[in-house]
Structure formats: C-alpha cells, structure tokens
C-alpha cells in the first residue's frame, strides 16, 4: 500500500512541523504540528497526478496539531503535497 510522498513547504513566521501518512491506496494525509506561540493559517494542496488537486485550508492553533486528509478517485502512485503556512 505504501507510495512515495513529496512535500514542498513554504513556512513564514511560524514554527510548524509535519508528518505524512499513506492512509489508504486512494487517501493521503498529513499531520501539521504547530510548536510556536502564534496560530498558523495553512493551505495544503495534494496532487496524485491526473486528477484535480485537492485543496484544504486549515488553521493550526499554537501548541496544537491538525490532521488534513484528501480522498482521490484513483489509486495514488505518488502523492505531491504543497504546504504553505503563515502566522495568523
């Protein structure tokens, strides 16, 4: 079931880390963990190739974590995630 996951991140003014998961053959997920003192506003774009990208916008409160998932119609061969976060 495992597939490669590439993450391209742009993080501005927040202390944020992430962990990716190959949840299922057609579901990708990423856990965003905010270690900083300010909340982060994040845009997560997940691409599996031929399908339209799945875009999720989430707020990650200070000292908290948030899970972000996306389901695709086709099996994921390689998941590409673009993560853009900034201080709120």
Protein backbone atom coordinates (compact mmCIF):
# COMPACT_ATOMS: atom_id res chain seq x y z
CA UNK A 1 0.00 0.00 0.00
CA UNK A 2 2.94 2.37 0.53
CA UNK A 3 3.51 5.10 -2.04
CA UNK A 4 6.10 7.91 -2.09
CA UNK A 5 5.08 11.30 -0.73
CA UNK A 6 6.90 14.52 -1.69
CA UNK A 7 6.31 17.69 0.35
CA UNK A 8 7.18 21.20 -0.79
CA UNK A 9 6.80 23.65 2.07
CA UNK A 10 6.73 27.41 2.45
CA UNK A 11 6.52 28.38 6.11
CA UNK A 12 6.56 32.06 7.08
CA UNK A 13 6.70 33.24 10.69
CA UNK A 14 5.53 30.02 12.37
CA UNK A 15 7.23 27.00 13.93
CA UNK A 16 5.48 24.16 12.17
CA UNK A 17 6.44 20.54 11.52
CA UNK A 18 4.59 17.84 9.61
CA UNK A 19 4.25 14.07 9.31
CA UNK A 20 2.81 12.41 6.20
CA UNK A 21 0.82 9.17 6.06
CA UNK A 22 -0.21 6.82 3.26
CA UNK A 23 -3.57 6.20 4.91
CA UNK A 24 -5.10 4.08 2.14
CA UNK A 25 -4.50 3.41 -1.55
CA UNK A 26 -6.67 6.41 -2.50
CA UNK A 27 -6.37 8.59 0.63
CA UNK A 28 -3.43 10.77 1.58
CA UNK A 29 -2.98 12.64 4.84
CA UNK A 30 -0.62 14.98 6.60
CA UNK A 31 -0.45 15.96 10.27
CA UNK A 32 0.54 19.58 10.94
CA UNK A 33 2.05 20.33 14.35
CA UNK A 34 2.43 23.95 15.46
CA UNK A 35 5.22 24.33 18.05
CA UNK A 36 5.09 28.12 18.07
CA UNK A 37 3.32 30.73 20.15
CA UNK A 38 1.10 32.03 17.32
CA UNK A 39 -1.62 30.33 15.29
CA UNK A 40 -0.82 29.33 11.71
CA UNK A 41 -3.05 29.63 8.65
CA UNK A 42 -2.17 26.86 6.19
CA UNK A 43 -3.09 25.90 2.65
CA UNK A 44 -2.45 22.25 1.78
CA UNK A 45 -2.62 21.15 -1.87
CA UNK A 46 -2.50 17.41 -2.59
CA UNK A 47 -1.88 16.04 -6.09
CA UNK A 48 -1.83 12.42 -7.20
CA UNK A 49 -1.24 13.17 -10.88
CA UNK A 50 -4.05 13.24 -13.42
CA UNK A 51 -6.87 14.26 -11.06
CA UNK A 52 -7.69 17.80 -9.99
CA UNK A 53 -5.67 18.87 -6.94
CA UNK A 54 -7.36 18.68 -3.56
CA UNK A 55 -7.00 21.95 -1.64
CA UNK A 56 -7.56 22.21 2.10
CA UNK A 57 -7.29 25.40 4.16
CA UNK A 58 -6.80 24.90 7.88
CA UNK A 59 -5.94 26.89 10.95
CA UNK A 60 -3.43 25.30 13.33
CA UNK A 61 -3.69 26.85 16.81
CA UNK A 62 -0.50 27.49 18.80
CA UNK A 63 0.84 24.35 20.53
CA UNK A 64 -1.73 22.15 18.72
CA UNK A 65 -1.84 19.78 15.76
CA UNK A 66 -4.32 19.24 12.93
CA UNK A 67 -4.85 16.31 10.55
CA UNK A 68 -5.55 17.06 6.88
CA UNK A 69 -6.77 14.33 4.51
CA UNK A 70 -7.79 14.04 0.88
CA UNK A 71 -9.55 11.23 -0.96
CA UNK A 72 -8.93 10.61 -4.64
CA UNK A 73 -10.94 8.66 -7.21
CA UNK A 74 -7.91 6.71 -8.38
CA UNK A 75 -5.20 4.80 -6.57
CA UNK A 76 -2.29 7.04 -5.56
CA UNK A 77 1.02 6.15 -7.19
CA UNK A 78 2.92 9.20 -5.93
CA UNK A 79 1.46 11.93 -3.73
CA UNK A 80 2.74 15.51 -4.05
CA UNK A 81 1.84 17.90 -1.24
CA UNK A 82 2.38 21.66 -1.33
CA UNK A 83 2.23 23.19 2.15
CA UNK A 84 2.04 26.98 2.60
CA UNK A 85 1.70 28.37 6.13
CA UNK A 86 1.96 31.82 7.66
CA UNK A 87 1.31 33.44 11.02
CA UNK A 88 -2.27 34.43 11.56
